[in-house]
Protein backbone atom coordinates (compact mmCIF):
# COMPACT_ATOMS: atom_id res chain seq x y z
CA MET A 1 64.30 -24.68 -9.89
CA VAL A 2 62.99 -24.76 -6.45
CA ALA A 3 60.26 -26.99 -5.14
CA ALA A 4 58.65 -27.68 -2.07
CA ARG A 5 56.00 -29.57 -0.55
CA ASP A 6 54.36 -28.89 3.15
CA GLY A 7 56.30 -25.75 3.35
CA GLN A 8 60.18 -27.90 2.66
CA ILE A 9 62.42 -27.61 0.06
CA VAL A 10 62.27 -31.15 -2.05
CA PHE A 11 64.18 -30.24 -4.66
CA VAL A 12 66.86 -27.55 -5.95
CA GLY A 13 68.28 -27.75 -8.98
CA PRO A 14 67.92 -26.99 -13.27
CA ALA A 15 64.55 -27.02 -14.33
CA ALA A 16 65.14 -29.88 -16.94
CA ALA A 17 65.98 -32.09 -13.89
CA LEU A 18 63.12 -31.82 -12.30
CA ASP A 19 60.83 -35.00 -14.16
CA ALA A 20 63.54 -37.23 -12.82
CA HIS A 21 63.56 -36.81 -9.29
CA LEU A 22 59.75 -36.05 -8.17
CA THR A 23 56.51 -36.07 -9.84
CA VAL A 24 54.78 -32.47 -9.46
CA LEU A 25 51.34 -32.73 -7.87
CA PRO A 26 47.87 -31.59 -9.82
CA GLY A 27 46.74 -27.77 -8.80
CA ALA A 28 50.85 -27.45 -7.06
CA VAL A 29 51.20 -23.50 -6.92
CA ARG A 30 54.00 -22.26 -9.51
CA ILE A 31 55.51 -18.97 -8.88
CA ASP A 32 57.14 -17.57 -12.03
CA ALA A 33 60.36 -16.04 -11.04
CA ARG A 34 61.81 -15.27 -14.36
CA GLY A 35 64.08 -11.73 -14.81
CA GLY A 36 64.24 -11.89 -11.01
CA THR A 37 66.65 -13.30 -8.47
CA VAL A 38 65.96 -15.78 -5.54
CA VAL A 39 67.55 -15.59 -2.58
CA PRO A 40 66.86 -17.29 1.25
CA GLY A 41 64.54 -15.30 3.34
CA PHE A 42 65.98 -12.80 5.56
CA VAL A 43 66.48 -13.66 8.70
CA ASP A 44 66.98 -11.08 11.51
CA PRO A 45 68.92 -12.05 14.27
CA HIS A 46 68.74 -8.79 16.34
CA THR A 47 65.27 -6.97 16.99
CA HIS A 48 63.45 -4.97 20.00
CA VAL A 49 60.08 -4.97 17.92
CA VAL A 50 57.76 -5.48 21.19
CA TYR A 51 56.86 -2.74 22.98
CA ALA A 52 54.51 0.28 23.64
CA GLY A 53 54.45 3.69 22.76
CA ASP A 54 57.06 5.62 20.13
CA ARG A 55 60.06 8.22 20.93
CA LEU A 56 59.60 10.21 17.58
CA GLN A 57 60.10 13.46 19.88
CA GLU A 58 64.04 11.99 20.66
CA VAL A 59 64.69 11.94 16.99
CA ARG A 60 63.93 15.97 16.62
CA ARG A 61 66.15 16.14 19.80
CA ARG A 62 68.84 13.82 18.35
CA LEU A 63 69.01 15.55 14.98
CA ALA A 64 69.42 19.03 16.70
CA GLY A 65 72.42 17.53 18.73
CA ALA A 66 71.53 16.18 21.91
CA THR A 67 73.57 12.89 22.42
CA TYR A 68 71.84 9.93 24.04
CA ALA A 69 73.10 10.12 27.31
CA GLU A 70 71.74 13.19 27.68
CA ILE A 71 68.55 12.13 26.35
CA ALA A 72 68.88 9.57 28.71
CA ALA A 73 69.51 11.76 31.23
CA ALA A 74 66.35 13.91 30.74
CA GLY A 75 64.41 10.99 31.18
CA GLY A 76 64.20 9.52 27.67
CA GLY A 77 65.66 6.19 26.38
CA ILE A 78 64.94 3.17 27.46
CA LEU A 79 63.31 4.06 30.50
CA ARG A 80 60.70 6.23 28.24
CA THR A 81 59.98 3.23 26.74
CA VAL A 82 59.47 0.97 29.60
CA ALA A 83 57.32 3.25 31.32
CA ASP A 84 54.82 2.96 27.88
CA THR A 85 55.08 -0.37 27.76
CA ARG A 86 54.54 -1.38 31.94
CA ARG A 87 51.01 0.13 31.09
CA ALA A 88 50.27 -1.89 28.02
CA SER A 89 48.46 -4.91 28.03
CA GLU A 90 49.67 -7.98 26.22
CA ASP A 91 46.77 -7.56 23.79
CA ASP A 92 47.69 -3.91 23.04
CA LEU A 93 51.37 -5.14 22.55
CA VAL A 94 50.16 -8.26 20.14
CA THR A 95 48.40 -5.70 18.19
CA THR A 96 51.09 -3.08 17.87
CA ALA A 97 54.05 -5.66 17.45
CA SER A 98 51.91 -7.70 14.62
CA ALA A 99 51.75 -4.44 12.23
CA ARG A 100 55.70 -3.81 12.81
CA LEU A 101 56.27 -7.65 11.60
CA ASP A 102 53.86 -7.33 8.67
CA GLU A 103 56.85 -4.10 7.60
CA MET A 104 59.49 -6.26 8.13
CA ALA A 105 57.79 -9.14 5.99
CA ALA A 106 57.36 -6.69 3.27
CA CYS A 107 61.35 -6.00 3.34
CA GLY A 108 61.76 -10.00 2.89
CA THR A 109 62.46 -10.89 6.47
CA THR A 110 61.09 -14.35 7.10
CA THR A 111 62.47 -15.35 11.02
CA CYS A 112 63.59 -12.94 13.54
CA GLU A 113 64.38 -13.13 16.69
CA VAL A 114 62.25 -10.87 19.25
CA LYS A 115 63.66 -9.49 22.67
CA SER A 116 61.86 -8.41 25.77
CA GLY A 117 63.52 -5.51 28.16
CA TYR A 118 61.03 -2.82 28.17
CA GLY A 119 59.42 -4.36 31.18
CA LEU A 120 62.15 -4.62 33.73
CA THR A 121 59.90 -6.52 35.96
CA THR A 122 59.31 -10.31 36.49
CA ASP A 123 55.12 -9.52 35.64
CA ALA A 124 56.10 -7.31 32.58
CA GLU A 125 58.73 -9.08 31.17
CA LEU A 126 56.70 -12.12 31.58
CA ARG A 127 53.86 -10.29 29.51
CA LEU A 128 56.18 -9.26 26.93
CA LEU A 129 57.34 -12.55 26.64
CA ARG A 130 53.65 -14.13 26.52
CA ALA A 131 52.87 -11.55 23.74
CA ILE A 132 56.15 -13.12 21.45
CA ARG A 133 54.93 -16.36 21.77
CA ARG A 134 51.30 -15.11 20.40
CA LEU A 135 52.87 -13.33 17.86
CA ASP A 136 55.34 -16.50 17.01
CA ALA A 137 52.40 -18.64 16.67
CA GLY A 138 49.70 -15.91 14.79
CA HIS A 139 52.00 -14.36 12.69
CA PRO A 140 53.40 -15.60 9.58
CA LEU A 141 56.99 -14.96 10.39
CA ASP A 142 59.20 -17.26 12.73
CA LEU A 143 59.80 -15.72 16.09
CA VAL A 144 63.04 -16.49 18.26
CA PRO A 145 62.46 -15.22 21.73
CA THR A 146 65.06 -13.99 23.70
CA PHE A 147 64.72 -12.92 27.45
CA LEU A 148 66.33 -9.11 27.86
CA GLY A 149 65.31 -8.44 31.71
CA ALA A 150 68.43 -6.76 31.77
CA HIS A 151 68.48 -4.24 29.31
CA GLU A 152 68.29 -1.37 31.69
CA ILE A 153 68.98 -0.80 35.40
CA PRO A 154 65.15 0.91 36.40
CA LYS A 155 64.71 3.83 38.29
CA GLU A 156 63.77 2.31 41.30
CA PHE A 157 67.10 0.36 41.32
CA ARG A 158 69.43 3.13 40.19
CA SER A 159 71.07 3.59 44.05
CA ASN A 160 71.51 -0.40 44.19
CA PRO A 161 71.77 -1.83 40.74
CA GLU A 162 72.98 -4.95 42.22
CA ALA A 163 69.55 -5.66 44.27
CA PHE A 164 67.86 -5.43 40.20
CA VAL A 165 71.20 -7.91 39.18
CA ALA A 166 69.67 -10.19 41.93
CA LEU A 167 66.30 -9.68 41.31
CA VAL A 168 67.38 -10.61 37.31
CA THR A 169 68.67 -13.66 38.31
CA GLY A 170 67.11 -14.89 41.38
CA GLU A 171 63.47 -14.23 39.92
CA MET A 172 63.14 -13.29 36.57
CA ILE A 173 65.22 -15.86 34.95
CA PRO A 174 63.47 -19.08 36.90
CA ALA A 175 59.96 -17.34 36.20
CA VAL A 176 60.88 -17.38 32.53
CA ALA A 177 62.17 -20.82 32.37
CA ALA A 178 59.30 -21.98 34.57
CA GLU A 179 57.29 -21.26 30.94
CA SER A 180 59.21 -21.66 28.68
CA LEU A 181 59.21 -18.39 27.38
CA ALA A 182 62.79 -17.48 26.18
CA GLU A 183 65.08 -19.91 24.24
CA TRP A 184 68.34 -16.83 24.86
CA CYS A 185 69.38 -14.61 27.79
CA ASP A 186 70.79 -11.18 26.65
CA VAL A 187 72.18 -8.16 28.87
CA PHE A 188 73.31 -5.02 27.57
CA CYS A 189 76.69 -4.48 28.83
CA GLU A 190 77.50 -0.90 28.62
CA SER A 191 78.70 1.96 30.73
CA GLY A 192 75.75 2.99 32.79
CA ALA A 193 74.10 -0.37 32.34
CA PHE A 194 75.23 -3.42 33.74
CA THR A 195 79.42 -3.74 33.98
CA PRO A 196 80.85 -7.12 32.71
CA ALA A 197 80.87 -8.63 36.18
CA GLN A 198 77.48 -8.22 36.45
CA SER A 199 76.49 -9.45 32.67
CA LEU A 200 78.44 -12.44 32.98
CA ALA A 201 76.45 -13.35 36.33
CA ILE A 202 73.23 -12.98 34.62
CA LEU A 203 74.11 -14.93 31.66
CA GLU A 204 75.57 -17.78 33.69
CA ALA A 205 72.13 -17.72 35.59
CA GLY A 206 70.10 -18.04 32.30
CA ARG A 207 72.39 -20.50 31.38
CA ARG A 208 71.94 -22.86 34.27
CA HIS A 209 68.22 -22.55 33.65
CA GLY A 210 68.43 -23.44 30.08
CA LEU A 211 68.73 -20.11 28.04
CA LYS A 212 71.89 -19.92 25.63
CA PRO A 213 73.31 -16.71 26.37
CA ARG A 214 74.22 -13.74 23.85
CA ILE A 215 75.59 -9.70 24.70
CA HIS A 216 74.62 -6.54 23.59
CA ALA A 217 78.84 -5.69 23.37
CA ASP A 218 80.61 -2.88 22.80
CA GLU A 219 78.03 -0.51 21.41
CA LEU A 220 78.92 3.09 23.00
CA GLY A 221 82.30 2.47 24.18
CA ALA A 222 84.92 -0.01 24.92
CA SER A 223 82.72 -1.58 27.67
CA GLY A 224 84.62 -5.20 28.05
CA GLY A 225 81.40 -7.00 26.54
CA TRP A 226 83.41 -8.83 24.13
CA ARG A 227 85.33 -10.36 26.58
CA VAL A 228 81.74 -11.24 28.52
CA ALA A 229 81.09 -13.11 25.39
CA VAL A 230 83.99 -15.18 24.99
CA GLU A 231 83.79 -16.12 28.78
CA ALA A 232 80.26 -16.92 28.36
CA GLY A 233 80.10 -18.58 25.30
CA ALA A 234 77.92 -16.66 24.04
CA ARG A 235 76.88 -17.49 20.45
CA SER A 236 76.70 -13.81 19.53
CA ALA A 237 78.05 -10.57 20.37
CA ASP A 238 75.74 -7.94 19.14
CA HIS A 239 76.93 -4.00 18.08
CA LEU A 240 80.61 -4.32 18.49
CA VAL A 241 81.10 -0.65 17.23
CA PHE A 242 83.99 -0.17 19.55
CA VAL A 243 85.67 -3.89 19.29
CA ASP A 244 89.58 -3.98 18.48
CA ALA A 245 91.91 -6.35 16.79
CA GLU A 246 92.23 -8.28 20.32
CA GLY A 247 88.38 -8.42 20.79
CA ALA A 248 88.43 -9.72 17.09
CA ARG A 249 90.83 -12.43 17.52
CA ALA A 250 89.40 -13.83 20.83
CA LEU A 251 85.40 -13.67 19.33
CA ALA A 252 87.15 -15.68 16.15
CA GLY A 253 89.00 -18.33 18.57
CA ALA A 254 86.16 -18.31 20.67
CA GLY A 255 83.40 -19.22 17.56
CA VAL A 256 81.46 -15.90 18.66
CA CYS A 257 79.23 -14.99 15.85
CA ALA A 258 79.15 -10.78 15.43
CA VAL A 259 75.56 -9.64 15.01
CA LEU A 260 76.34 -5.86 13.24
CA LEU A 261 73.45 -3.47 13.88
CA PRO A 262 74.69 -0.46 11.28
CA ALA A 263 71.28 1.12 11.24
CA ALA A 264 71.90 1.83 14.96
CA SER A 265 74.90 3.39 14.53
CA LEU A 266 73.24 5.71 11.46
CA TYR A 267 70.08 6.72 13.63
CA LEU A 268 72.15 7.55 17.09
CA LYS A 269 74.62 9.17 14.76
CA LEU A 270 77.71 7.27 16.68
CA GLY A 271 79.71 8.55 13.71
CA ARG A 272 81.59 5.21 13.27
CA TYR A 273 80.10 1.68 12.45
CA ALA A 274 81.27 -1.60 13.75
CA PRO A 275 84.96 -2.98 11.99
CA ALA A 276 83.27 -5.55 9.45
CA ARG A 277 86.12 -5.75 7.62
CA LEU A 278 88.79 -6.22 10.38
CA LEU A 279 86.05 -8.81 11.90
CA ILE A 280 85.85 -10.75 8.79
CA ASP A 281 89.46 -11.26 8.02
CA THR A 282 89.93 -11.94 11.23
CA GLY A 283 87.76 -15.06 11.27
CA VAL A 284 84.57 -13.62 12.82
CA PRO A 285 81.32 -15.13 11.37
CA VAL A 286 79.57 -11.82 10.89
CA ALA A 287 75.67 -11.84 10.74
CA LEU A 288 73.58 -8.38 10.23
CA GLY A 289 70.42 -7.28 11.84
CA THR A 290 68.51 -4.28 11.83
CA ASP A 291 67.97 -3.54 15.74
CA ILE A 292 64.42 -2.57 15.21
CA ASN A 293 63.42 -0.77 18.07
CA PRO A 294 61.50 2.53 19.19
CA GLY A 295 64.61 4.69 19.68
CA ALA A 296 67.32 3.97 17.28
CA GLY A 297 66.14 1.24 15.04
CA PHE A 298 63.55 2.91 12.36
CA SER A 299 64.13 0.36 9.91
CA PRO A 300 62.36 -2.87 9.39
CA SER A 301 64.50 -3.49 6.39
CA MET A 302 67.42 -5.95 6.18
CA PRO A 303 67.92 -4.62 2.80
CA PHE A 304 68.81 -1.58 4.44
CA ALA A 305 71.33 -2.93 6.90
CA MET A 306 72.67 -4.96 3.75
CA THR A 307 73.37 -1.56 2.28
CA LEU A 308 75.07 0.15 5.27
CA ALA A 309 77.15 -2.81 5.57
CA CYS A 310 78.29 -2.19 1.85
CA PHE A 311 78.78 1.30 1.69
CA ALA A 312 79.85 1.59 5.55
CA MET A 313 81.12 -1.26 6.44
CA ASP A 314 83.04 -2.14 3.21
CA MET A 315 81.34 -5.54 2.92
CA THR A 316 80.66 -6.98 -0.61
CA LEU A 317 77.08 -7.62 -1.70
CA GLU A 318 77.84 -11.24 -1.29
CA GLU A 319 79.16 -10.84 1.97
CA ALA A 320 76.27 -9.12 2.96
CA LEU A 321 73.71 -11.68 1.51
CA ILE A 322 74.75 -14.24 3.38
CA ALA A 323 75.17 -12.22 6.92
CA ALA A 324 71.45 -11.34 6.42
CA THR A 325 70.57 -14.91 5.84
CA LEU A 326 72.80 -18.29 6.46
CA ASN A 327 74.86 -16.00 8.81
CA ALA A 328 72.16 -14.86 10.74
CA ALA A 329 70.38 -18.03 11.04
CA TRP A 330 73.56 -20.00 12.65
CA ALA A 331 73.36 -16.80 15.19
CA LEU A 332 70.12 -17.65 16.32
CA ASP A 333 70.87 -21.88 16.11
CA ARG A 334 68.09 -21.95 13.05
CA ALA A 335 70.90 -22.90 10.15
CA ASP A 336 69.77 -26.30 10.10
CA ALA A 337 66.16 -25.35 9.25
CA VAL A 338 66.41 -21.64 7.61
CA GLY A 339 69.16 -19.39 5.72
CA SER A 340 69.56 -21.05 2.19
CA LEU A 341 67.94 -22.95 -0.29
CA GLU A 342 68.96 -26.36 0.19
CA ARG A 343 66.93 -29.78 0.14
CA GLY A 344 65.33 -30.26 3.73
CA LYS A 345 65.43 -26.47 5.06
CA ARG A 346 62.25 -24.73 5.06
CA MET A 347 60.71 -22.98 1.44
CA ASP A 348 61.77 -19.51 2.68
CA ALA A 349 62.40 -17.29 -0.03
CA VAL A 350 62.96 -13.41 -1.46
CA ILE A 351 62.66 -13.16 -5.44
CA VAL A 352 64.19 -9.90 -6.06
CA GLU A 353 63.18 -7.77 -9.00
CA GLY A 354 66.31 -8.14 -11.32
CA ASP A 355 69.99 -8.41 -10.24
CA ALA A 356 70.36 -9.48 -6.40
CA ILE A 357 72.28 -6.11 -6.35
CA ASN A 358 69.05 -4.32 -6.59
CA LEU A 359 68.66 -5.23 -2.54
CA VAL A 360 71.06 -1.87 -2.07
CA ARG A 361 68.94 0.47 -4.16
CA ALA A 362 67.50 1.75 -0.87
CA GLY A 363 63.61 3.03 -1.51
CA ALA A 364 63.42 1.19 -4.66
CA ARG A 365 60.51 -1.87 -5.11
CA ALA A 366 63.42 -4.41 -5.04
CA ILE A 367 61.33 -7.17 -3.94
CA ARG A 368 58.57 -8.93 -5.96
CA ALA A 369 57.91 -11.40 -3.80
CA VAL A 370 58.01 -12.85 -0.73
CA ILE A 371 57.81 -16.78 0.13
CA LYS A 372 57.29 -17.81 3.96
CA ASN A 373 56.92 -22.27 4.56
CA GLY A 374 56.18 -22.37 0.96
CA LYS A 375 53.66 -19.54 0.56
CA VAL A 376 53.50 -16.34 -0.67
CA ILE A 377 53.02 -13.82 2.19
CA VAL A 378 53.87 -10.81 0.67
CA GLN A 379 53.24 -9.72 -3.41
């Protein structure tokens, strides 16, 4: 039995003990979960859910054998979405992202991180973050905003990437901080994007302006991103497809959370996944996310990420469930409020039809209801 008042859990325990601890008010909403399993609402710690346009034609090219690098070199990839997003109004961004958040909620997500990063100019990045703020205020899901102005080097700075780094650190970050639009600062540390030195400079600039660091690390190759995460004191290093044993030991020693995104590996056809077993066995806290985005994150489903974690990364169901709830909440600095069903935390829950193992039955209707702040938002 779980009981809540005003969206906050006030009792967890046997139904027979309820009356000894509290009085149920007249008119209280009762939700019958018999025959099901109640788990915490899923926390998605890595999304790019706010953007304009789509890149579905790139999917066809990838399925025909084109690589991520080849598509990007032909004008696709992140910069294609940047061009579409720069043309979109704030209202457009809110409308399209709201529909995507609805899809995430239907899959059991109740809290999610949301990045900017498809503007790459000060005005466009601020527009994205303002849209995220409006979505947080108007949508049932709780959104955690991240500034990712260093998502890619835009065309106009390709001949002088250091000038773009200076724009991010000297203009964008102060402008974001001035409006309190983000909690976190992120950077895409990857060959062809931002070097370890550039990434560290950006994260340090973010910290000076009150933005906590997290990083895209070692996704497409051994970029040295995990080293930056350790040196910057990042809360999370995300992707880590190419991290090795040395990196795992360093992350564990520094207390960095590994946010793993198996759907991205699948949709990018990387042919490999992050070494979850190595990370867990080395003592690195592991979280899971969807990486929902227009180019390689086509599933809004945390249960699908859990399924891939179990069957492609050798995680147990229990490890995957913790990674999708409490560890993911910790990766976002929200473990005091969400991620587990405990007294004093928000009443965010998912009722699974039958046993929790049904969550890995991709495509099956395994979720009976989703509860956010004590209210049923999906049934």
